[in-house]
Amino acid sequence: MFIGVNLWLMNPAAWGAETGRTLYENYCLACHYRDGSSGHGGADLRQTLKHGSDMKSVMRVITYGVPGTQMPSFSDLSEDQRRALAKHVIFLNQRAQKKQK
């Protein structure tokens, strides 16, 4: 059992949405609510994303931030962590877009 857990921890590709959600809760809730809605000055992630909703665009925003806004850079997170966080942001956005239809 411990070997399996250790292998899972060593393979970020095996991390699921839970990791992205956890990162979101740890880093994003100061400005965005759990469902992606705007809170405390953050953009509403449920609406059309101003800088793009594909992985490359969301990764760029998470990595570099958005100058002139309250969106900071999260370049201190690993690429795998930023990717997991981006997947969660995209999930929140797509879920909200489906509900609007």
PDB file of N, CA and C in Angstrom:
ATOM      1  N   MET A   1       0.821  -1.191   0.000  1.00  0.00           N
ATOM      2  CA  MET A   1       0.000   0.000   0.000  1.00  0.00           C
ATOM      3  C   MET A   1       0.866   1.257   0.000  1.00  0.00           C
ATOM      4  N   PHE A   2       1.881   1.307   0.829  1.00  0.00           N
ATOM      5  CA  PHE A   2       2.721   2.496   0.887  1.00  0.00           C
ATOM      6  C   PHE A   2       3.474   2.715  -0.415  1.00  0.00           C
ATOM      7  N   ILE A   3       3.855   1.638  -1.075  1.00  0.00           N
ATOM      8  CA  ILE A   3       4.551   1.772  -2.349  1.00  0.00           C
ATOM      9  C   ILE A   3       3.627   2.433  -3.369  1.00  0.00           C
ATOM     10  N   GLY A   4       2.386   2.009  -3.414  1.00  0.00           N
ATOM     11  CA  GLY A   4       1.422   2.593  -4.339  1.00  0.00           C
ATOM     12  C   GLY A   4       1.209   4.069  -4.074  1.00  0.00           C
ATOM     13  N   VAL A   5       1.106   4.433  -2.812  1.00  0.00           N
ATOM     14  CA  VAL A   5       0.924   5.837  -2.448  1.00  0.00           C
ATOM     15  C   VAL A   5       2.151   6.640  -2.850  1.00  0.00           C
ATOM     16  N   ASN A   6       3.340   6.107  -2.582  1.00  0.00           N
ATOM     17  CA  ASN A   6       4.566   6.817  -2.934  1.00  0.00           C
ATOM     18  C   ASN A   6       4.690   6.991  -4.443  1.00  0.00           C
ATOM     19  N   LEU A   7       4.327   5.974  -5.206  1.00  0.00           N
ATOM     20  CA  LEU A   7       4.378   6.095  -6.668  1.00  0.00           C
ATOM     21  C   LEU A   7       3.384   7.141  -7.147  1.00  0.00           C
ATOM     22  N   TRP A   8       2.209   7.184  -6.538  1.00  0.00           N
ATOM     23  CA  TRP A   8       1.206   8.181  -6.903  1.00  0.00           C
ATOM     24  C   TRP A   8       1.730   9.582  -6.629  1.00  0.00           C
ATOM     25  N   LEU A   9       2.359   9.788  -5.470  1.00  0.00           N
ATOM     26  CA  LEU A   9       2.877  11.105  -5.127  1.00  0.00           C
ATOM     27  C   LEU A   9       4.006  11.536  -6.053  1.00  0.00           C
ATOM     28  N   MET A  10       4.771  10.574  -6.552  1.00  0.00           N
ATOM     29  CA  MET A  10       5.892  10.890  -7.420  1.00  0.00           C
ATOM     30  C   MET A  10       5.452  11.173  -8.856  1.00  0.00           C
ATOM     31  N   ASN A  11       4.201  10.875  -9.180  1.00  0.00           N
ATOM     32  CA  ASN A  11       3.713  11.039 -10.543  1.00  0.00           C
ATOM     33  C   ASN A  11       2.607  12.083 -10.583  1.00  0.00           C
ATOM     34  N   PRO A  12       2.955  13.372 -10.745  1.00  0.00           N
ATOM     35  CA  PRO A  12       1.934  14.414 -10.767  1.00  0.00           C
ATOM     36  C   PRO A  12       0.875  14.204 -11.836  1.00  0.00           C
ATOM     37  N   ALA A  13       1.199  13.521 -12.915  1.00  0.00           N
ATOM     38  CA  ALA A  13       0.213  13.268 -13.968  1.00  0.00           C
ATOM     39  C   ALA A  13      -0.940  12.433 -13.438  1.00  0.00           C
ATOM     40  N   ALA A  14      -0.708  11.675 -12.366  1.00  0.00           N
ATOM     41  CA  ALA A  14      -1.748  10.831 -11.783  1.00  0.00           C
ATOM     42  C   ALA A  14      -2.634  11.611 -10.816  1.00  0.00           C
ATOM     43  N   TRP A  15      -2.238  12.828 -10.469  1.00  0.00           N
ATOM     44  CA  TRP A  15      -3.050  13.632  -9.564  1.00  0.00           C
ATOM     45  C   TRP A  15      -4.344  13.987 -10.274  1.00  0.00           C
ATOM     46  N   GLY A  16      -5.439  13.884  -9.588  1.00  0.00           N
ATOM     47  CA  GLY A  16      -6.729  14.160 -10.208  1.00  0.00           C
ATOM     48  C   GLY A  16      -7.199  15.579  -9.986  1.00  0.00           C
ATOM     49  N   ALA A  17      -8.475  15.775 -10.248  1.00  0.00           N
ATOM     50  CA  ALA A  17      -9.085  17.093 -10.083  1.00  0.00           C
ATOM     51  C   ALA A  17      -9.005  17.562  -8.641  1.00  0.00           C
ATOM     52  N   GLU A  18      -8.931  16.627  -7.721  1.00  0.00           N
ATOM     53  CA  GLU A  18      -8.844  16.982  -6.303  1.00  0.00           C
ATOM     54  C   GLU A  18      -7.656  17.896  -6.050  1.00  0.00           C
ATOM     55  N   THR A  19      -6.523  17.633  -6.690  1.00  0.00           N
ATOM     56  CA  THR A  19      -5.347  18.464  -6.504  1.00  0.00           C
ATOM     57  C   THR A  19      -5.597  19.868  -7.042  1.00  0.00           C
ATOM     58  N   GLY A  20      -6.189  19.989  -8.208  1.00  0.00           N
ATOM     59  CA  GLY A  20      -6.517  21.297  -8.762  1.00  0.00           C
ATOM     60  C   GLY A  20      -7.488  22.045  -7.876  1.00  0.00           C
ATOM     61  N   ARG A  21      -8.468  21.338  -7.371  1.00  0.00           N
ATOM     62  CA  ARG A  21      -9.443  21.964  -6.471  1.00  0.00           C
ATOM     63  C   ARG A  21      -8.772  22.428  -5.190  1.00  0.00           C
ATOM     64  N   THR A  22      -7.894  21.602  -4.651  1.00  0.00           N
ATOM     65  CA  THR A  22      -7.175  21.956  -3.425  1.00  0.00           C
ATOM     66  C   THR A  22      -6.291  23.179  -3.655  1.00  0.00           C
ATOM     67  N   LEU A  23      -5.574  23.208  -4.767  1.00  0.00           N
ATOM     68  CA  LEU A  23      -4.746  24.372  -5.102  1.00  0.00           C
ATOM     69  C   LEU A  23      -5.616  25.613  -5.252  1.00  0.00           C
ATOM     70  N   TYR A  24      -6.749  25.475  -5.911  1.00  0.00           N
ATOM     71  CA  TYR A  24      -7.685  26.586  -6.087  1.00  0.00           C
ATOM     72  C   TYR A  24      -8.131  27.107  -4.725  1.00  0.00           C
ATOM     73  N   GLU A  25      -8.488  26.195  -3.832  1.00  0.00           N
ATOM     74  CA  GLU A  25      -8.938  26.603  -2.501  1.00  0.00           C
ATOM     75  C   GLU A  25      -7.812  27.274  -1.721  1.00  0.00           C
ATOM     76  N   ASN A  26      -6.592  26.828  -1.922  1.00  0.00           N
ATOM     77  CA  ASN A  26      -5.461  27.400  -1.186  1.00  0.00           C
ATOM     78  C   ASN A  26      -5.001  28.744  -1.740  1.00  0.00           C
ATOM     79  N   TYR A  27      -5.082  28.934  -3.049  1.00  0.00           N
ATOM     80  CA  TYR A  27      -4.504  30.125  -3.665  1.00  0.00           C
ATOM     81  C   TYR A  27      -5.515  31.112  -4.244  1.00  0.00           C
ATOM     82  N   CYS A  28      -6.720  30.677  -4.522  1.00  0.00           N
ATOM     83  CA  CYS A  28      -7.627  31.518  -5.301  1.00  0.00           C
ATOM     84  C   CYS A  28      -8.837  32.052  -4.535  1.00  0.00           C
ATOM     85  N   LEU A  29      -9.154  31.444  -3.404  1.00  0.00           N
ATOM     86  CA  LEU A  29     -10.366  31.841  -2.697  1.00  0.00           C
ATOM     87  C   LEU A  29     -10.303  33.245  -2.110  1.00  0.00           C
ATOM     88  N   ALA A  30      -9.132  33.834  -2.056  1.00  0.00           N
ATOM     89  CA  ALA A  30      -9.045  35.216  -1.582  1.00  0.00           C
ATOM     90  C   ALA A  30      -9.716  36.166  -2.570  1.00  0.00           C
ATOM     91  N   CYS A  31      -9.783  35.776  -3.843  1.00  0.00           N
ATOM     92  CA  CYS A  31     -10.344  36.652  -4.891  1.00  0.00           C
ATOM     93  C   CYS A  31     -11.514  36.042  -5.658  1.00  0.00           C
ATOM     94  N   HIS A  32     -11.655  34.730  -5.639  1.00  0.00           N
ATOM     95  CA  HIS A  32     -12.724  34.042  -6.366  1.00  0.00           C
ATOM     96  C   HIS A  32     -13.426  33.090  -5.397  1.00  0.00           C
ATOM     97  N   TYR A  33     -14.751  32.941  -5.561  1.00  0.00           N
ATOM     98  CA  TYR A  33     -15.484  31.986  -4.729  1.00  0.00           C
ATOM     99  C   TYR A  33     -15.299  30.572  -5.253  1.00  0.00           C
ATOM    100  N   ARG A  34     -15.703  29.597  -4.457  1.00  0.00           N
ATOM    101  CA  ARG A  34     -15.507  28.178  -4.801  1.00  0.00           C
ATOM    102  C   ARG A  34     -16.087  27.812  -6.160  1.00  0.00           C
ATOM    103  N   ASP A  35     -17.209  28.430  -6.518  1.00  0.00           N
ATOM    104  CA  ASP A  35     -17.855  28.101  -7.793  1.00  0.00           C
ATOM    105  C   ASP A  35     -17.269  28.892  -8.961  1.00  0.00           C
ATOM    106  N   GLY A  36     -16.264  29.737  -8.689  1.00  0.00           N
ATOM    107  CA  GLY A  36     -15.635  30.529  -9.737  1.00  0.00           C
ATOM    108  C   GLY A  36     -16.192  31.933  -9.859  1.00  0.00           C
ATOM    109  N   SER A  37     -17.250  32.225  -9.113  1.00  0.00           N
ATOM    110  CA  SER A  37     -17.832  33.560  -9.202  1.00  0.00           C
ATOM    111  C   SER A  37     -16.881  34.597  -8.611  1.00  0.00           C
ATOM    112  N   SER A  38     -17.108  35.832  -8.999  1.00  0.00           N
ATOM    113  CA  SER A  38     -16.254  36.934  -8.579  1.00  0.00           C
ATOM    114  C   SER A  38     -16.437  37.211  -7.097  1.00  0.00           C
ATOM    115  N   GLY A  39     -15.340  37.394  -6.454  1.00  0.00           N
ATOM    116  CA  GLY A  39     -15.377  37.747  -5.048  1.00  0.00           C
ATOM    117  C   GLY A  39     -14.128  38.527  -4.707  1.00  0.00           C
ATOM    118  N   HIS A  40     -14.254  39.574  -3.953  1.00  0.00           N
ATOM    119  CA  HIS A  40     -13.104  40.349  -3.489  1.00  0.00           C
ATOM    120  C   HIS A  40     -12.239  40.853  -4.642  1.00  0.00           C
ATOM    121  N   GLY A  41     -12.841  41.204  -5.758  1.00  0.00           N
ATOM    122  CA  GLY A  41     -12.095  41.811  -6.861  1.00  0.00           C
ATOM    123  C   GLY A  41     -11.649  40.877  -7.963  1.00  0.00           C
ATOM    124  N   GLY A  42     -11.803  39.578  -7.792  1.00  0.00           N
ATOM    125  CA  GLY A  42     -11.388  38.630  -8.831  1.00  0.00           C
ATOM    126  C   GLY A  42     -12.388  38.575  -9.974  1.00  0.00           C
ATOM    127  N   ALA A  43     -11.929  38.149 -11.122  1.00  0.00           N
ATOM    128  CA  ALA A  43     -12.810  37.987 -12.280  1.00  0.00           C
ATOM    129  C   ALA A  43     -13.795  36.851 -12.043  1.00  0.00           C
ATOM    130  N   ASP A  44     -14.928  36.908 -12.703  1.00  0.00           N
ATOM    131  CA  ASP A  44     -15.920  35.838 -12.625  1.00  0.00           C
ATOM    132  C   ASP A  44     -15.503  34.744 -13.600  1.00  0.00           C
ATOM    133  N   LEU A  45     -15.011  33.655 -13.077  1.00  0.00           N
ATOM    134  CA  LEU A  45     -14.489  32.551 -13.896  1.00  0.00           C
ATOM    135  C   LEU A  45     -15.605  31.741 -14.543  1.00  0.00           C
ATOM    136  N   ARG A  46     -16.857  32.055 -14.204  1.00  0.00           N
ATOM    137  CA  ARG A  46     -17.986  31.342 -14.804  1.00  0.00           C
ATOM    138  C   ARG A  46     -18.374  31.951 -16.150  1.00  0.00           C
ATOM    139  N   GLN A  47     -17.946  33.178 -16.383  1.00  0.00           N
ATOM    140  CA  GLN A  47     -18.250  33.876 -17.631  1.00  0.00           C
ATOM    141  C   GLN A  47     -17.161  33.573 -18.663  1.00  0.00           C
ATOM    142  N   THR A  48     -17.355  34.056 -19.881  1.00  0.00           N
ATOM    143  CA  THR A  48     -16.331  33.907 -20.910  1.00  0.00           C
ATOM    144  C   THR A  48     -15.028  34.476 -20.371  1.00  0.00           C
ATOM    145  N   LEU A  49     -13.957  33.695 -20.429  1.00  0.00           N
ATOM    146  CA  LEU A  49     -12.672  34.130 -19.882  1.00  0.00           C
ATOM    147  C   LEU A  49     -12.021  35.112 -20.845  1.00  0.00           C
ATOM    148  N   LYS A  50     -11.755  36.300 -20.371  1.00  0.00           N
ATOM    149  CA  LYS A  50     -11.268  37.410 -21.191  1.00  0.00           C
ATOM    150  C   LYS A  50      -9.973  37.091 -21.927  1.00  0.00           C
ATOM    151  N   HIS A  51      -9.111  36.279 -21.325  1.00  0.00           N
ATOM    152  CA  HIS A  51      -7.797  35.987 -21.911  1.00  0.00           C
ATOM    153  C   HIS A  51      -7.724  34.593 -22.530  1.00  0.00           C
ATOM    154  N   GLY A  52      -8.879  33.950 -22.694  1.00  0.00           N
ATOM    155  CA  GLY A  52      -8.942  32.637 -23.337  1.00  0.00           C
ATOM    156  C   GLY A  52      -9.239  31.531 -22.347  1.00  0.00           C
ATOM    157  N   SER A  53      -9.924  30.504 -22.824  1.00  0.00           N
ATOM    158  CA  SER A  53     -10.326  29.409 -21.947  1.00  0.00           C
ATOM    159  C   SER A  53      -9.638  28.085 -22.292  1.00  0.00           C
ATOM    160  N   ASP A  54      -8.670  28.120 -23.201  1.00  0.00           N
ATOM    161  CA  ASP A  54      -7.916  26.899 -23.512  1.00  0.00           C
ATOM    162  C   ASP A  54      -6.769  26.767 -22.504  1.00  0.00           C
ATOM    163  N   MET A  55      -6.186  25.603 -22.433  1.00  0.00           N
ATOM    164  CA  MET A  55      -5.146  25.320 -21.443  1.00  0.00           C
ATOM    165  C   MET A  55      -3.983  26.305 -21.548  1.00  0.00           C
ATOM    166  N   LYS A  56      -3.523  26.571 -22.763  1.00  0.00           N
ATOM    167  CA  LYS A  56      -2.376  27.464 -22.943  1.00  0.00           C
ATOM    168  C   LYS A  56      -2.671  28.863 -22.394  1.00  0.00           C
ATOM    169  N   SER A  57      -3.855  29.381 -22.688  1.00  0.00           N
ATOM    170  CA  SER A  57      -4.229  30.726 -22.239  1.00  0.00           C
ATOM    171  C   SER A  57      -4.381  30.792 -20.722  1.00  0.00           C
ATOM    172  N   VAL A  58      -5.052  29.813 -20.151  1.00  0.00           N
ATOM    173  CA  VAL A  58      -5.256  29.811 -18.691  1.00  0.00           C
ATOM    174  C   VAL A  58      -3.920  29.628 -17.977  1.00  0.00           C
ATOM    175  N   MET A  59      -3.068  28.779 -18.513  1.00  0.00           N
ATOM    176  CA  MET A  59      -1.729  28.607 -17.933  1.00  0.00           C
ATOM    177  C   MET A  59      -0.946  29.917 -17.969  1.00  0.00           C
ATOM    178  N   ARG A  60      -1.056  30.648 -19.065  1.00  0.00           N
ATOM    179  CA  ARG A  60      -0.337  31.925 -19.185  1.00  0.00           C
ATOM    180  C   ARG A  60      -0.819  32.909 -18.112  1.00  0.00           C
ATOM    181  N   VAL A  61      -2.128  32.997 -17.905  1.00  0.00           N
ATOM    182  CA  VAL A  61      -2.670  33.901 -16.888  1.00  0.00           C
ATOM    183  C   VAL A  61      -2.217  33.477 -15.497  1.00  0.00           C
ATOM    184  N   ILE A  62      -2.263  32.192 -15.203  1.00  0.00           N
ATOM    185  CA  ILE A  62      -1.843  31.708 -13.886  1.00  0.00           C
ATOM    186  C   ILE A  62      -0.347  31.932 -13.686  1.00  0.00           C
ATOM    187  N   THR A  63       0.437  31.686 -14.703  1.00  0.00           N
ATOM    188  CA  THR A  63       1.894  31.805 -14.592  1.00  0.00           C
ATOM    189  C   THR A  63       2.348  33.252 -14.467  1.00  0.00           C
ATOM    190  N   TYR A  64       1.818  34.140 -15.301  1.00  0.00           N
ATOM    191  CA  TYR A  64       2.315  35.518 -15.374  1.00  0.00           C
ATOM    192  C   TYR A  64       1.407  36.554 -14.719  1.00  0.00           C
ATOM    193  N   GLY A  65       0.173  36.168 -14.391  1.00  0.00           N
ATOM    194  CA  GLY A  65      -0.765  37.141 -13.866  1.00  0.00           C
ATOM    195  C   GLY A  65      -1.272  38.035 -14.983  1.00  0.00           C
ATOM    196  N   VAL A  66      -2.022  39.067 -14.616  1.00  0.00           N
ATOM    197  CA  VAL A  66      -2.544  40.016 -15.594  1.00  0.00           C
ATOM    198  C   VAL A  66      -2.179  41.426 -15.112  1.00  0.00           C
ATOM    199  N   PRO A  67      -1.203  42.049 -15.762  1.00  0.00           N
ATOM    200  CA  PRO A  67      -0.799  43.404 -15.360  1.00  0.00           C
ATOM    201  C   PRO A  67      -1.990  44.365 -15.367  1.00  0.00           C
ATOM    202  N   GLY A  68      -2.023  45.243 -14.389  1.00  0.00           N
ATOM    203  CA  GLY A  68      -3.091  46.233 -14.305  1.00  0.00           C
ATOM    204  C   GLY A  68      -4.352  45.709 -13.645  1.00  0.00           C
ATOM    205  N   THR A  69      -4.319  44.449 -13.182  1.00  0.00           N
ATOM    206  CA  THR A  69      -5.461  43.867 -12.476  1.00  0.00           C
ATOM    207  C   THR A  69      -4.969  43.301 -11.145  1.00  0.00           C
ATOM    208  N   GLN A  70      -5.878  42.722 -10.393  1.00  0.00           N
ATOM    209  CA  GLN A  70      -5.500  42.102  -9.127  1.00  0.00           C
ATOM    210  C   GLN A  70      -4.976  40.677  -9.299  1.00  0.00           C
ATOM    211  N   MET A  71      -4.948  40.181 -10.549  1.00  0.00           N
ATOM    212  CA  MET A  71      -4.492  38.807 -10.786  1.00  0.00           C
ATOM    213  C   MET A  71      -2.975  38.741 -10.709  1.00  0.00           C
ATOM    214  N   PRO A  72      -2.443  38.070  -9.652  1.00  0.00           N
ATOM    215  CA  PRO A  72      -0.995  37.980  -9.506  1.00  0.00           C
ATOM    216  C   PRO A  72      -0.420  36.813 -10.308  1.00  0.00           C
ATOM    217  N   SER A  73       0.873  36.787 -10.400  1.00  0.00           N
ATOM    218  CA  SER A  73       1.590  35.664 -10.996  1.00  0.00           C
ATOM    219  C   SER A  73       1.695  34.544  -9.964  1.00  0.00           C
ATOM    220  N   PHE A  74       1.548  33.323 -10.436  1.00  0.00           N
ATOM    221  CA  PHE A  74       1.765  32.153  -9.584  1.00  0.00           C
ATOM    222  C   PHE A  74       2.921  31.330 -10.143  1.00  0.00           C
ATOM    223  N   SER A  75       3.936  32.025 -10.643  1.00  0.00           N
ATOM    224  CA  SER A  75       5.095  31.354 -11.228  1.00  0.00           C
ATOM    225  C   SER A  75       5.895  30.580 -10.189  1.00  0.00           C
ATOM    226  N   ASP A  76       5.641  30.831  -8.906  1.00  0.00           N
ATOM    227  CA  ASP A  76       6.337  30.085  -7.865  1.00  0.00           C
ATOM    228  C   ASP A  76       5.797  28.666  -7.715  1.00  0.00           C
ATOM    229  N   LEU A  77       4.604  28.395  -8.258  1.00  0.00           N
ATOM    230  CA  LEU A  77       4.080  27.027  -8.261  1.00  0.00           C
ATOM    231  C   LEU A  77       4.793  26.244  -9.362  1.00  0.00           C
ATOM    232  N   SER A  78       4.891  24.944  -9.179  1.00  0.00           N
ATOM    233  CA  SER A  78       5.501  24.116 -10.222  1.00  0.00           C
ATOM    234  C   SER A  78       4.595  24.097 -11.457  1.00  0.00           C
ATOM    235  N   GLU A  79       5.161  23.723 -12.586  1.00  0.00           N
ATOM    236  CA  GLU A  79       4.347  23.642 -13.799  1.00  0.00           C
ATOM    237  C   GLU A  79       3.203  22.645 -13.623  1.00  0.00           C
ATOM    238  N   ASP A  80       3.472  21.527 -12.953  1.00  0.00           N
ATOM    239  CA  ASP A  80       2.410  20.538 -12.722  1.00  0.00           C
ATOM    240  C   ASP A  80       1.300  21.115 -11.848  1.00  0.00           C
ATOM    241  N   GLN A  81       1.662  21.897 -10.848  1.00  0.00           N
ATOM    242  CA  GLN A  81       0.652  22.518  -9.993  1.00  0.00           C
ATOM    243  C   GLN A  81      -0.150  23.553 -10.778  1.00  0.00           C
ATOM    244  N   ARG A  82       0.521  24.356 -11.585  1.00  0.00           N
ATOM    245  CA  ARG A  82      -0.183  25.347 -12.402  1.00  0.00           C
ATOM    246  C   ARG A  82      -1.113  24.656 -13.405  1.00  0.00           C
ATOM    247  N   ARG A  83      -0.670  23.547 -13.960  1.00  0.00           N
ATOM    248  CA  ARG A  83      -1.506  22.805 -14.909  1.00  0.00           C
ATOM    249  C   ARG A  83      -2.747  22.254 -14.201  1.00  0.00           C
ATOM    250  N   ALA A  84      -2.573  21.689 -13.007  1.00  0.00           N
ATOM    251  CA  ALA A  84      -3.717  21.167 -12.240  1.00  0.00           C
ATOM    252  C   ALA A  84      -4.682  22.297 -11.893  1.00  0.00           C
ATOM    253  N   LEU A  85      -4.139  23.442 -11.512  1.00  0.00           N
ATOM    254  CA  LEU A  85      -4.966  24.602 -11.193  1.00  0.00           C
ATOM    255  C   LEU A  85      -5.710  25.088 -12.439  1.00  0.00           C
ATOM    256  N   ALA A  86      -5.021  25.137 -13.571  1.00  0.00           N
ATOM    257  CA  ALA A  86      -5.650  25.547 -14.828  1.00  0.00           C
ATOM    258  C   ALA A  86      -6.781  24.593 -15.208  1.00  0.00           C
ATOM    259  N   LYS A  87      -6.574  23.304 -15.034  1.00  0.00           N
ATOM    260  CA  LYS A  87      -7.625  22.322 -15.339  1.00  0.00           C
ATOM    261  C   LYS A  87      -8.857  22.586 -14.487  1.00  0.00           C
ATOM    262  N   HIS A  88      -8.638  22.947 -13.225  1.00  0.00           N
ATOM    263  CA  HIS A  88      -9.783  23.215 -12.355  1.00  0.00           C
ATOM    264  C   HIS A  88     -10.508  24.491 -12.777  1.00  0.00           C
ATOM    265  N   VAL A  89      -9.770  25.522 -13.133  1.00  0.00           N
ATOM    266  CA  VAL A  89     -10.386  26.771 -13.606  1.00  0.00           C
ATOM    267  C   VAL A  89     -11.201  26.489 -14.872  1.00  0.00           C
ATOM    268  N   ILE A  90     -10.646  25.728 -15.786  1.00  0.00           N
ATOM    269  CA  ILE A  90     -11.363  25.375 -17.018  1.00  0.00           C
ATOM    270  C   ILE A  90     -12.606  24.559 -16.685  1.00  0.00           C
ATOM    271  N   PHE A  91     -12.490  23.628 -15.740  1.00  0.00           N
ATOM    272  CA  PHE A  91     -13.646  22.836 -15.306  1.00  0.00           C
ATOM    273  C   PHE A  91     -14.751  23.754 -14.772  1.00  0.00           C
ATOM    274  N   LEU A  92     -14.398  24.703 -13.893  1.00  0.00           N
ATOM    275  CA  LEU A  92     -15.394  25.629 -13.340  1.00  0.00           C
ATOM    276  C   LEU A  92     -16.058  26.429 -14.453  1.00  0.00           C
ATOM    277  N   ASN A  93     -15.266  26.894 -15.402  1.00  0.00           N
ATOM    278  CA  ASN A  93     -15.783  27.685 -16.501  1.00  0.00           C
ATOM    279  C   ASN A  93     -16.719  26.863 -17.380  1.00  0.00           C
ATOM    280  N   GLN A  94     -16.301  25.674 -17.759  1.00  0.00           N
ATOM    281  CA  GLN A  94     -17.120  24.832 -18.641  1.00  0.00           C
ATOM    282  C   GLN A  94     -18.412  24.400 -17.955  1.00  0.00           C
ATOM    283  N   ARG A  95     -18.325  24.088 -16.670  1.00  0.00           N
ATOM    284  CA  ARG A  95     -19.530  23.687 -15.930  1.00  0.00           C
ATOM    285  C   ARG A  95     -20.541  24.831 -15.913  1.00  0.00           C
ATOM    286  N   ALA A  96     -20.073  26.039 -15.662  1.00  0.00           N
ATOM    287  CA  ALA A  96     -20.963  27.198 -15.634  1.00  0.00           C
ATOM    288  C   ALA A  96     -21.537  27.492 -17.013  1.00  0.00           C
ATOM    289  N   GLN A  97     -20.718  27.355 -18.057  1.00  0.00           N
ATOM    290  CA  GLN A  97     -21.191  27.615 -19.413  1.00  0.00           C
ATOM    291  C   GLN A  97     -22.290  26.627 -19.804  1.00  0.00           C
ATOM    292  N   LYS A  98     -22.144  25.360 -19.396  1.00  0.00           N
ATOM    293  CA  LYS A  98     -23.180  24.356 -19.703  1.00  0.00           C
ATOM    294  C   LYS A  98     -24.487  24.672 -19.000  1.00  0.00           C
ATOM    295  N   LYS A  99     -24.402  25.174 -17.752  1.00  0.00           N
ATOM    296  CA  LYS A  99     -25.596  25.519 -17.004  1.00  0.00           C
ATOM    297  C   LYS A  99     -26.333  26.692 -17.633  1.00  0.00           C
ATOM    298  N   GLN A 100     -25.611  27.578 -18.293  1.00  0.00           N
ATOM    299  CA  GLN A 100     -26.220  28.756 -18.903  1.00  0.00           C
ATOM    300  C   GLN A 100     -26.985  28.418 -20.178  1.00  0.00           C
ATOM    301  N   LYS A 101     -26.685  27.296 -20.783  1.00  0.00           N
ATOM    302  CA  LYS A 101     -27.342  26.925 -22.049  1.00  0.00           C
ATOM    303  C   LYS A 101     -28.716  26.372 -21.829  1.00  0.00           C
TER     304      LYS A 101
END
